[in-house]
């Protein structure tokens, strides 16, 4: 994308793996100066190694995860496990929370 600032390899990978429909959130995070790229498709795993839930994007160091509209059950599992969770459409909320968390 031509209007995107220079990105780290980690951010470039995130843009490559995320559907273009969701690039607005990523662009807002980059524009806000958030340097830590999220993990894409991060899973919450129990002590036995079983996947409990998956997030579209996650920052483990901030226990923050972002979910697609159809991931309500996964979002609830992350939330009850102590994570701060957002819907991908809540661009302002994600950017504001990560700005104060970093």
PDB file of N, CA and C in Angstrom:
ATOM      1  N   UNK A   1       0.860  -1.186   0.000  1.00  0.00           N
ATOM      2  CA  UNK A   1       0.000   0.000   0.000  1.00  0.00           C
ATOM      3  C   UNK A   1       0.892   1.230   0.000  1.00  0.00           C
ATOM      4  N   UNK A   2       0.673   2.101  -0.941  1.00  0.00           N
ATOM      5  CA  UNK A   2       1.571   3.232  -1.147  1.00  0.00           C
ATOM      6  C   UNK A   2       1.519   4.253  -0.025  1.00  0.00           C
ATOM      7  N   UNK A   3       0.359   4.428   0.631  1.00  0.00           N
ATOM      8  CA  UNK A   3       0.253   5.459   1.662  1.00  0.00           C
ATOM      9  C   UNK A   3       0.695   4.988   3.036  1.00  0.00           C
ATOM     10  N   UNK A   4       1.207   3.799   3.117  1.00  0.00           N
ATOM     11  CA  UNK A   4       1.663   3.234   4.381  1.00  0.00           C
ATOM     12  C   UNK A   4       3.107   3.652   4.650  1.00  0.00           C
ATOM     13  N   UNK A   5       3.425   4.060   5.902  1.00  0.00           N
ATOM     14  CA  UNK A   5       4.823   4.393   6.201  1.00  0.00           C
ATOM     15  C   UNK A   5       5.691   3.131   6.162  1.00  0.00           C
ATOM     16  N   UNK A   6       7.006   3.317   6.178  1.00  0.00           N
ATOM     17  CA  UNK A   6       7.915   2.178   6.192  1.00  0.00           C
ATOM     18  C   UNK A   6       7.615   1.317   7.417  1.00  0.00           C
ATOM     19  N   UNK A   7       7.552   0.017   7.201  1.00  0.00           N
ATOM     20  CA  UNK A   7       7.173  -0.908   8.268  1.00  0.00           C
ATOM     21  C   UNK A   7       8.304  -1.863   8.593  1.00  0.00           C
ATOM     22  N   UNK A   8       8.309  -2.318   9.843  1.00  0.00           N
ATOM     23  CA  UNK A   8       9.245  -3.367  10.233  1.00  0.00           C
ATOM     24  C   UNK A   8       8.816  -4.667   9.559  1.00  0.00           C
ATOM     25  N   UNK A   9       9.696  -5.639   9.554  1.00  0.00           N
ATOM     26  CA  UNK A   9       9.364  -6.945   8.975  1.00  0.00           C
ATOM     27  C   UNK A   9       8.162  -7.562   9.679  1.00  0.00           C
ATOM     28  N   UNK A  10       8.075  -7.362  11.007  1.00  0.00           N
ATOM     29  CA  UNK A  10       6.963  -7.933  11.767  1.00  0.00           C
ATOM     30  C   UNK A  10       5.633  -7.345  11.315  1.00  0.00           C
ATOM     31  N   UNK A  11       5.582  -6.030  11.163  1.00  0.00           N
ATOM     32  CA  UNK A  11       4.348  -5.380  10.714  1.00  0.00           C
ATOM     33  C   UNK A  11       4.009  -5.785   9.282  1.00  0.00           C
ATOM     34  N   UNK A  12       5.006  -5.882   8.413  1.00  0.00           N
ATOM     35  CA  UNK A  12       4.768  -6.300   7.031  1.00  0.00           C
ATOM     36  C   UNK A  12       4.125  -7.677   7.002  1.00  0.00           C
ATOM     37  N   UNK A  13       4.607  -8.573   7.833  1.00  0.00           N
ATOM     38  CA  UNK A  13       4.032  -9.921   7.919  1.00  0.00           C
ATOM     39  C   UNK A  13       2.581  -9.864   8.374  1.00  0.00           C
ATOM     40  N   UNK A  14       2.283  -9.027   9.366  1.00  0.00           N
ATOM     41  CA  UNK A  14       0.908  -8.894   9.850  1.00  0.00           C
ATOM     42  C   UNK A  14       0.008  -8.403   8.715  1.00  0.00           C
ATOM     43  N   UNK A  15       0.423  -7.375   8.000  1.00  0.00           N
ATOM     44  CA  UNK A  15      -0.376  -6.874   6.878  1.00  0.00           C
ATOM     45  C   UNK A  15      -0.593  -7.961   5.827  1.00  0.00           C
ATOM     46  N   UNK A  16       0.437  -8.785   5.591  1.00  0.00           N
ATOM     47  CA  UNK A  16       0.328  -9.850   4.593  1.00  0.00           C
ATOM     48  C   UNK A  16      -0.686 -10.919   4.994  1.00  0.00           C
ATOM     49  N   UNK A  17      -0.802 -11.204   6.289  1.00  0.00           N
ATOM     50  CA  UNK A  17      -1.660 -12.282   6.763  1.00  0.00           C
ATOM     51  C   UNK A  17      -3.095 -11.859   7.071  1.00  0.00           C
ATOM     52  N   UNK A  18      -3.331 -10.580   7.259  1.00  0.00           N
ATOM     53  CA  UNK A  18      -4.663 -10.097   7.626  1.00  0.00           C
ATOM     54  C   UNK A  18      -5.422  -9.676   6.369  1.00  0.00           C
ATOM     55  N   UNK A  19      -6.694 -10.020   6.336  1.00  0.00           N
ATOM     56  CA  UNK A  19      -7.556  -9.622   5.220  1.00  0.00           C
ATOM     57  C   UNK A  19      -7.483  -8.103   5.020  1.00  0.00           C
ATOM     58  N   UNK A  20      -7.441  -7.652   3.783  1.00  0.00           N
ATOM     59  CA  UNK A  20      -7.386  -6.209   3.507  1.00  0.00           C
ATOM     60  C   UNK A  20      -8.530  -5.421   4.147  1.00  0.00           C
ATOM     61  N   UNK A  21      -9.683  -6.057   4.362  1.00  0.00           N
ATOM     62  CA  UNK A  21     -10.802  -5.381   5.009  1.00  0.00           C
ATOM     63  C   UNK A  21     -10.441  -4.863   6.400  1.00  0.00           C
ATOM     64  N   UNK A  22      -9.445  -5.468   7.026  1.00  0.00           N
ATOM     65  CA  UNK A  22      -9.082  -5.114   8.399  1.00  0.00           C
ATOM     66  C   UNK A  22      -7.807  -4.280   8.486  1.00  0.00           C
ATOM     67  N   UNK A  23      -7.292  -3.844   7.339  1.00  0.00           N
ATOM     68  CA  UNK A  23      -6.058  -3.061   7.335  1.00  0.00           C
ATOM     69  C   UNK A  23      -6.216  -1.702   7.997  1.00  0.00           C
ATOM     70  N   UNK A  24      -7.443  -1.163   8.058  1.00  0.00           N
ATOM     71  CA  UNK A  24      -7.630   0.148   8.689  1.00  0.00           C
ATOM     72  C   UNK A  24      -7.148   0.147  10.135  1.00  0.00           C
ATOM     73  N   UNK A  25      -7.477  -0.905  10.873  1.00  0.00           N
ATOM     74  CA  UNK A  25      -7.018  -1.001  12.262  1.00  0.00           C
ATOM     75  C   UNK A  25      -5.497  -1.033  12.313  1.00  0.00           C
ATOM     76  N   UNK A  26      -4.889  -1.837  11.467  1.00  0.00           N
ATOM     77  CA  UNK A  26      -3.429  -1.930  11.455  1.00  0.00           C
ATOM     78  C   UNK A  26      -2.801  -0.587  11.101  1.00  0.00           C
ATOM     79  N   UNK A  27      -3.368   0.089  10.112  1.00  0.00           N
ATOM     80  CA  UNK A  27      -2.846   1.397   9.709  1.00  0.00           C
ATOM     81  C   UNK A  27      -2.976   2.409  10.842  1.00  0.00           C
ATOM     82  N   UNK A  28      -4.076   2.353  11.584  1.00  0.00           N
ATOM     83  CA  UNK A  28      -4.266   3.262  12.716  1.00  0.00           C
ATOM     84  C   UNK A  28      -3.226   3.003  13.802  1.00  0.00           C
ATOM     85  N   UNK A  29      -2.919   1.745  14.048  1.00  0.00           N
ATOM     86  CA  UNK A  29      -1.902   1.407  15.058  1.00  0.00           C
ATOM     87  C   UNK A  29      -0.524   1.902  14.637  1.00  0.00           C
ATOM     88  N   UNK A  30      -0.182   1.691  13.376  1.00  0.00           N
ATOM     89  CA  UNK A  30       1.116   2.159  12.871  1.00  0.00           C
ATOM     90  C   UNK A  30       1.178   3.684  12.934  1.00  0.00           C
ATOM     91  N   UNK A  31       0.102   4.345  12.505  1.00  0.00           N
ATOM     92  CA  UNK A  31       0.069   5.812  12.514  1.00  0.00           C
ATOM     93  C   UNK A  31       0.186   6.369  13.934  1.00  0.00           C
ATOM     94  N   UNK A  32      -0.337   5.633  14.910  1.00  0.00           N
ATOM     95  CA  UNK A  32      -0.265   6.070  16.308  1.00  0.00           C
ATOM     96  C   UNK A  32       1.109   5.795  16.921  1.00  0.00           C
ATOM     97  N   UNK A  33       1.996   5.154  16.154  1.00  0.00           N
ATOM     98  CA  UNK A  33       3.343   4.890  16.643  1.00  0.00           C
ATOM     99  C   UNK A  33       3.479   3.635  17.470  1.00  0.00           C
ATOM    100  N   UNK A  34       2.494   2.751  17.391  1.00  0.00           N
ATOM    101  CA  UNK A  34       2.582   1.503  18.155  1.00  0.00           C
ATOM    102  C   UNK A  34       3.591   0.593  17.458  1.00  0.00           C
ATOM    103  N   UNK A  35       4.714   0.372  18.106  1.00  0.00           N
ATOM    104  CA  UNK A  35       5.808  -0.342  17.454  1.00  0.00           C
ATOM    105  C   UNK A  35       5.731  -1.861  17.581  1.00  0.00           C
ATOM    106  N   UNK A  36       5.024  -2.375  18.575  1.00  0.00           N
ATOM    107  CA  UNK A  36       4.938  -3.825  18.760  1.00  0.00           C
ATOM    108  C   UNK A  36       3.854  -4.397  17.856  1.00  0.00           C
ATOM    109  N   UNK A  37       4.265  -5.207  16.899  1.00  0.00           N
ATOM    110  CA  UNK A  37       3.300  -5.848  16.006  1.00  0.00           C
ATOM    111  C   UNK A  37       2.604  -6.988  16.743  1.00  0.00           C
ATOM    112  N   UNK A  38       1.333  -7.219  16.443  1.00  0.00           N
ATOM    113  CA  UNK A  38       0.615  -8.306  17.103  1.00  0.00           C
ATOM    114  C   UNK A  38       0.951  -9.661  16.495  1.00  0.00           C
ATOM    115  N   UNK A  39       0.619 -10.707  17.230  1.00  0.00           N
ATOM    116  CA  UNK A  39       0.648 -12.053  16.679  1.00  0.00           C
ATOM    117  C   UNK A  39      -0.657 -12.226  15.909  1.00  0.00           C
ATOM    118  N   UNK A  40      -0.597 -12.881  14.774  1.00  0.00           N
ATOM    119  CA  UNK A  40      -1.791 -13.142  13.974  1.00  0.00           C
ATOM    120  C   UNK A  40      -2.256 -14.560  14.257  1.00  0.00           C
ATOM    121  N   UNK A  41      -3.550 -14.718  14.550  1.00  0.00           N
ATOM    122  CA  UNK A  41      -4.098 -16.048  14.808  1.00  0.00           C
ATOM    123  C   UNK A  41      -3.561 -16.665  16.079  1.00  0.00           C
ATOM    124  N   UNK A  42      -3.391 -15.869  17.114  1.00  0.00           N
ATOM    125  CA  UNK A  42      -2.833 -16.350  18.374  1.00  0.00           C
ATOM    126  C   UNK A  42      -3.849 -17.225  19.112  1.00  0.00           C
ATOM    127  N   UNK A  43      -3.365 -18.286  19.744  1.00  0.00           N
ATOM    128  CA  UNK A  43      -4.245 -19.209  20.459  1.00  0.00           C
ATOM    129  C   UNK A  43      -3.993 -19.153  21.954  1.00  0.00           C
ATOM    130  N   UNK A  44      -5.068 -19.303  22.712  1.00  0.00           N
ATOM    131  CA  UNK A  44      -5.000 -19.439  24.164  1.00  0.00           C
ATOM    132  C   UNK A  44      -4.970 -20.947  24.433  1.00  0.00           C
ATOM    133  N   UNK A  45      -3.921 -21.406  25.090  1.00  0.00           N
ATOM    134  CA  UNK A  45      -3.686 -22.843  25.267  1.00  0.00           C
ATOM    135  C   UNK A  45      -3.656 -23.181  26.746  1.00  0.00           C
ATOM    136  N   UNK A  46      -4.289 -24.304  27.119  1.00  0.00           N
ATOM    137  CA  UNK A  46      -4.298 -24.712  28.524  1.00  0.00           C
ATOM    138  C   UNK A  46      -3.039 -25.505  28.876  1.00  0.00           C
ATOM    139  N   UNK A  47      -2.954 -25.953  30.123  1.00  0.00           N
ATOM    140  CA  UNK A  47      -1.762 -26.653  30.617  1.00  0.00           C
ATOM    141  C   UNK A  47      -1.503 -27.967  29.877  1.00  0.00           C
ATOM    142  N   UNK A  48      -2.535 -28.561  29.315  1.00  0.00           N
ATOM    143  CA  UNK A  48      -2.384 -29.820  28.576  1.00  0.00           C
ATOM    144  C   UNK A  48      -2.076 -29.599  27.094  1.00  0.00           C
ATOM    145  N   UNK A  49      -1.938 -28.343  26.694  1.00  0.00           N
ATOM    146  CA  UNK A  49      -1.618 -28.036  25.312  1.00  0.00           C
ATOM    147  C   UNK A  49      -2.826 -27.969  24.396  1.00  0.00           C
ATOM    148  N   UNK A  50      -4.025 -27.956  24.966  1.00  0.00           N
ATOM    149  CA  UNK A  50      -5.249 -27.882  24.172  1.00  0.00           C
ATOM    150  C   UNK A  50      -5.573 -26.416  23.854  1.00  0.00           C
ATOM    151  N   UNK A  51      -5.982 -26.165  22.622  1.00  0.00           N
ATOM    152  CA  UNK A  51      -6.391 -24.821  22.222  1.00  0.00           C
ATOM    153  C   UNK A  51      -7.768 -24.540  22.810  1.00  0.00           C
ATOM    154  N   UNK A  52      -7.842 -23.475  23.603  1.00  0.00           N
ATOM    155  CA  UNK A  52      -9.109 -23.080  24.213  1.00  0.00           C
ATOM    156  C   UNK A  52      -9.870 -22.084  23.342  1.00  0.00           C
ATOM    157  N   UNK A  53      -9.131 -21.192  22.687  1.00  0.00           N
ATOM    158  CA  UNK A  53      -9.734 -20.152  21.858  1.00  0.00           C
ATOM    159  C   UNK A  53      -8.648 -19.521  21.002  1.00  0.00           C
ATOM    160  N   UNK A  54      -9.074 -18.853  19.936  1.00  0.00           N
ATOM    161  CA  UNK A  54      -8.138 -18.166  19.055  1.00  0.00           C
ATOM    162  C   UNK A  54      -8.576 -16.718  18.850  1.00  0.00           C
ATOM    163  N   UNK A  55      -7.576 -15.838  18.773  1.00  0.00           N
ATOM    164  CA  UNK A  55      -7.814 -14.419  18.493  1.00  0.00           C
ATOM    165  C   UNK A  55      -7.257 -14.094  17.116  1.00  0.00           C
ATOM    166  N   UNK A  56      -7.873 -13.144  16.443  1.00  0.00           N
ATOM    167  CA  UNK A  56      -7.364 -12.715  15.146  1.00  0.00           C
ATOM    168  C   UNK A  56      -6.005 -12.033  15.315  1.00  0.00           C
ATOM    169  N   UNK A  57      -5.893 -11.146  16.314  1.00  0.00           N
ATOM    170  CA  UNK A  57      -4.657 -10.436  16.629  1.00  0.00           C
ATOM    171  C   UNK A  57      -4.466 -10.459  18.143  1.00  0.00           C
ATOM    172  N   UNK A  58      -3.219 -10.578  18.588  1.00  0.00           N
ATOM    173  CA  UNK A  58      -2.979 -10.563  20.032  1.00  0.00           C
ATOM    174  C   UNK A  58      -1.601 -10.003  20.347  1.00  0.00           C
ATOM    175  N   UNK A  59      -1.561  -9.272  21.447  1.00  0.00           N
ATOM    176  CA  UNK A  59      -0.312  -8.767  22.018  1.00  0.00           C
ATOM    177  C   UNK A  59      -0.185  -9.429  23.380  1.00  0.00           C
ATOM    178  N   UNK A  60       0.573 -10.517  23.448  1.00  0.00           N
ATOM    179  CA  UNK A  60       0.682 -11.266  24.703  1.00  0.00           C
ATOM    180  C   UNK A  60       1.265 -10.426  25.818  1.00  0.00           C
ATOM    181  N   UNK A  61       2.234  -9.544  25.492  1.00  0.00           N
ATOM    182  CA  UNK A  61       2.867  -8.746  26.530  1.00  0.00           C
ATOM    183  C   UNK A  61       1.889  -7.777  27.194  1.00  0.00           C
ATOM    184  N   UNK A  62       0.792  -7.449  26.502  1.00  0.00           N
ATOM    185  CA  UNK A  62      -0.227  -6.551  27.055  1.00  0.00           C
ATOM    186  C   UNK A  62      -1.527  -7.285  27.375  1.00  0.00           C
ATOM    187  N   UNK A  63      -1.533  -8.620  27.169  1.00  0.00           N
ATOM    188  CA  UNK A  63      -2.744  -9.438  27.356  1.00  0.00           C
ATOM    189  C   UNK A  63      -3.942  -8.749  26.709  1.00  0.00           C
ATOM    190  N   UNK A  64      -3.751  -8.401  25.434  1.00  0.00           N
ATOM    191  CA  UNK A  64      -4.764  -7.710  24.654  1.00  0.00           C
ATOM    192  C   UNK A  64      -4.994  -8.489  23.366  1.00  0.00           C
ATOM    193  N   UNK A  65      -6.275  -8.695  23.019  1.00  0.00           N
ATOM    194  CA  UNK A  65      -6.603  -9.465  21.823  1.00  0.00           C
ATOM    195  C   UNK A  65      -7.751  -8.816  21.064  1.00  0.00           C
ATOM    196  N   UNK A  66      -7.720  -9.008  19.755  1.00  0.00           N
ATOM    197  CA  UNK A  66      -8.732  -8.456  18.860  1.00  0.00           C
ATOM    198  C   UNK A  66      -9.388  -9.618  18.112  1.00  0.00           C
ATOM    199  N   UNK A  67     -10.722  -9.511  17.975  1.00  0.00           N
ATOM    200  CA  UNK A  67     -11.507 -10.596  17.405  1.00  0.00           C
ATOM    201  C   UNK A  67     -12.373 -10.115  16.255  1.00  0.00           C
ATOM    202  N   UNK A  68     -12.648 -11.038  15.332  1.00  0.00           N
ATOM    203  CA  UNK A  68     -13.597 -10.773  14.262  1.00  0.00           C
ATOM    204  C   UNK A  68     -15.013 -10.894  14.810  1.00  0.00           C
ATOM    205  N   UNK A  69     -15.977 -10.417  14.039  1.00  0.00           N
ATOM    206  CA  UNK A  69     -17.365 -10.403  14.478  1.00  0.00           C
ATOM    207  C   UNK A  69     -17.885 -11.795  14.847  1.00  0.00           C
ATOM    208  N   UNK A  70     -17.420 -12.830  14.148  1.00  0.00           N
ATOM    209  CA  UNK A  70     -17.932 -14.183  14.381  1.00  0.00           C
ATOM    210  C   UNK A  70     -17.140 -14.969  15.433  1.00  0.00           C
ATOM    211  N   UNK A  71     -16.320 -14.285  16.224  1.00  0.00           N
ATOM    212  CA  UNK A  71     -15.493 -14.948  17.232  1.00  0.00           C
ATOM    213  C   UNK A  71     -15.946 -14.628  18.654  1.00  0.00           C
ATOM    214  N   UNK A  72     -17.242 -14.444  18.870  1.00  0.00           N
ATOM    215  CA  UNK A  72     -17.746 -14.055  20.192  1.00  0.00           C
ATOM    216  C   UNK A  72     -17.386 -15.074  21.272  1.00  0.00           C
ATOM    217  N   UNK A  73     -17.489 -16.350  20.967  1.00  0.00           N
ATOM    218  CA  UNK A  73     -17.162 -17.379  21.969  1.00  0.00           C
ATOM    219  C   UNK A  73     -15.679 -17.339  22.327  1.00  0.00           C
ATOM    220  N   UNK A  74     -14.822 -17.213  21.322  1.00  0.00           N
ATOM    221  CA  UNK A  74     -13.385 -17.116  21.582  1.00  0.00           C
ATOM    222  C   UNK A  74     -13.071 -15.867  22.395  1.00  0.00           C
ATOM    223  N   UNK A  75     -13.731 -14.763  22.054  1.00  0.00           N
ATOM    224  CA  UNK A  75     -13.502 -13.509  22.780  1.00  0.00           C
ATOM    225  C   UNK A  75     -13.868 -13.675  24.252  1.00  0.00           C
ATOM    226  N   UNK A  76     -14.955 -14.359  24.535  1.00  0.00           N
ATOM    227  CA  UNK A  76     -15.385 -14.581  25.919  1.00  0.00           C
ATOM    228  C   UNK A  76     -14.346 -15.410  26.686  1.00  0.00           C
ATOM    229  N   UNK A  77     -13.780 -16.423  26.047  1.00  0.00           N
ATOM    230  CA  UNK A  77     -12.762 -17.261  26.702  1.00  0.00           C
ATOM    231  C   UNK A  77     -11.531 -16.416  27.054  1.00  0.00           C
ATOM    232  N   UNK A  78     -11.061 -15.617  26.123  1.00  0.00           N
ATOM    233  CA  UNK A  78      -9.918 -14.744  26.399  1.00  0.00           C
ATOM    234  C   UNK A  78     -10.251 -13.777  27.534  1.00  0.00           C
ATOM    235  N   UNK A  79     -11.440 -13.186  27.473  1.00  0.00           N
ATOM    236  CA  UNK A  79     -11.850 -12.208  28.475  1.00  0.00           C
ATOM    237  C   UNK A  79     -11.889 -12.822  29.873  1.00  0.00           C
ATOM    238  N   UNK A  80     -12.456 -14.001  30.003  1.00  0.00           N
ATOM    239  CA  UNK A  80     -12.531 -14.649  31.316  1.00  0.00           C
ATOM    240  C   UNK A  80     -11.171 -15.159  31.783  1.00  0.00           C
ATOM    241  N   UNK A  81     -10.207 -15.187  30.871  1.00  0.00           N
ATOM    242  CA  UNK A  81      -8.837 -15.579  31.231  1.00  0.00           C
ATOM    243  C   UNK A  81      -7.970 -14.369  31.572  1.00  0.00           C
ATOM    244  N   UNK A  82      -8.600 -13.194  31.693  1.00  0.00           N
ATOM    245  CA  UNK A  82      -7.866 -12.010  32.128  1.00  0.00           C
ATOM    246  C   UNK A  82      -7.324 -11.127  31.020  1.00  0.00           C
ATOM    247  N   UNK A  83      -7.708 -11.380  29.790  1.00  0.00           N
ATOM    248  CA  UNK A  83      -7.254 -10.571  28.669  1.00  0.00           C
ATOM    249  C   UNK A  83      -8.202  -9.403  28.445  1.00  0.00           C
ATOM    250  N   UNK A  84      -7.678  -8.292  27.934  1.00  0.00           N
ATOM    251  CA  UNK A  84      -8.491  -7.162  27.480  1.00  0.00           C
ATOM    252  C   UNK A  84      -8.837  -7.474  26.036  1.00  0.00           C
ATOM    253  N   UNK A  85     -10.116  -7.514  25.703  1.00  0.00           N
ATOM    254  CA  UNK A  85     -10.524  -7.925  24.365  1.00  0.00           C
ATOM    255  C   UNK A  85     -11.315  -6.831  23.652  1.00  0.00           C
ATOM    256  N   UNK A  86     -11.200  -6.842  22.328  1.00  0.00           N
ATOM    257  CA  UNK A  86     -11.866  -5.867  21.475  1.00  0.00           C
ATOM    258  C   UNK A  86     -12.382  -6.561  20.223  1.00  0.00           C
ATOM    259  N   UNK A  87     -13.448  -6.010  19.652  1.00  0.00           N
ATOM    260  CA  UNK A  87     -13.879  -6.380  18.308  1.00  0.00           C
ATOM    261  C   UNK A  87     -13.001  -5.607  17.333  1.00  0.00           C
ATOM    262  N   UNK A  88     -12.729  -6.192  16.183  1.00  0.00           N
ATOM    263  CA  UNK A  88     -11.839  -5.557  15.213  1.00  0.00           C
ATOM    264  C   UNK A  88     -12.386  -4.217  14.732  1.00  0.00           C
ATOM    265  N   UNK A  89     -13.702  -4.031  14.780  1.00  0.00           N
ATOM    266  CA  UNK A  89     -14.312  -2.770  14.360  1.00  0.00           C
ATOM    267  C   UNK A  89     -14.069  -1.630  15.351  1.00  0.00           C
ATOM    268  N   UNK A  90     -13.640  -1.953  16.574  1.00  0.00           N
ATOM    269  CA  UNK A  90     -13.404  -0.931  17.604  1.00  0.00           C
ATOM    270  C   UNK A  90     -11.994  -0.368  17.484  1.00  0.00           C
ATOM    271  N   UNK A  91     -11.725   0.214  16.329  1.00  0.00           N
ATOM    272  CA  UNK A  91     -10.395   0.745  16.028  1.00  0.00           C
ATOM    273  C   UNK A  91      -9.926   1.746  17.084  1.00  0.00           C
ATOM    274  N   UNK A  92     -10.783   2.702  17.435  1.00  0.00           N
ATOM    275  CA  UNK A  92     -10.404   3.733  18.406  1.00  0.00           C
ATOM    276  C   UNK A  92     -10.086   3.124  19.769  1.00  0.00           C
ATOM    277  N   UNK A  93     -10.886   2.169  20.203  1.00  0.00           N
ATOM    278  CA  UNK A  93     -10.672   1.533  21.495  1.00  0.00           C
ATOM    279  C   UNK A  93      -9.354   0.781  21.557  1.00  0.00           C
ATOM    280  N   UNK A  94      -9.044   0.041  20.499  1.00  0.00           N
ATOM    281  CA  UNK A  94      -7.789  -0.726  20.447  1.00  0.00           C
ATOM    282  C   UNK A  94      -6.594   0.219  20.478  1.00  0.00           C
ATOM    283  N   UNK A  95      -6.622   1.240  19.630  1.00  0.00           N
ATOM    284  CA  UNK A  95      -5.502   2.185  19.553  1.00  0.00           C
ATOM    285  C   UNK A  95      -5.312   2.899  20.885  1.00  0.00           C
ATOM    286  N   UNK A  96      -6.397   3.376  21.482  1.00  0.00           N
ATOM    287  CA  UNK A  96      -6.305   4.099  22.757  1.00  0.00           C
ATOM    288  C   UNK A  96      -5.791   3.192  23.871  1.00  0.00           C
ATOM    289  N   UNK A  97      -6.294   1.964  23.949  1.00  0.00           N
ATOM    290  CA  UNK A  97      -5.867   1.059  25.020  1.00  0.00           C
ATOM    291  C   UNK A  97      -4.383   0.714  24.874  1.00  0.00           C
ATOM    292  N   UNK A  98      -3.961   0.379  23.680  1.00  0.00           N
ATOM    293  CA  UNK A  98      -2.545   0.026  23.481  1.00  0.00           C
ATOM    294  C   UNK A  98      -1.629   1.222  23.689  1.00  0.00           C
ATOM    295  N   UNK A  99      -2.100   2.426  23.381  1.00  0.00           N
ATOM    296  CA  UNK A  99      -1.295   3.628  23.603  1.00  0.00           C
ATOM    297  C   UNK A  99      -0.999   3.811  25.087  1.00  0.00           C
ATOM    298  N   UNK A 100      -1.991   3.556  25.936  1.00  0.00           N
ATOM    299  CA  UNK A 100      -1.761   3.732  27.374  1.00  0.00           C
ATOM    300  C   UNK A 100      -1.081   2.516  27.990  1.00  0.00           C
ATOM    301  N   UNK A 101      -1.161   1.353  27.339  1.00  0.00           N
ATOM    302  CA  UNK A 101      -0.545   0.138  27.884  1.00  0.00           C
ATOM    303  C   UNK A 101       0.956   0.085  27.626  1.00  0.00           C
ATOM    304  N   UNK A 102       1.421   0.811  26.618  1.00  0.00           N
ATOM    305  CA  UNK A 102       2.842   0.719  26.249  1.00  0.00           C
ATOM    306  C   UNK A 102       3.675   1.790  26.913  1.00  0.00           C
TER     307      UNK A 102
END
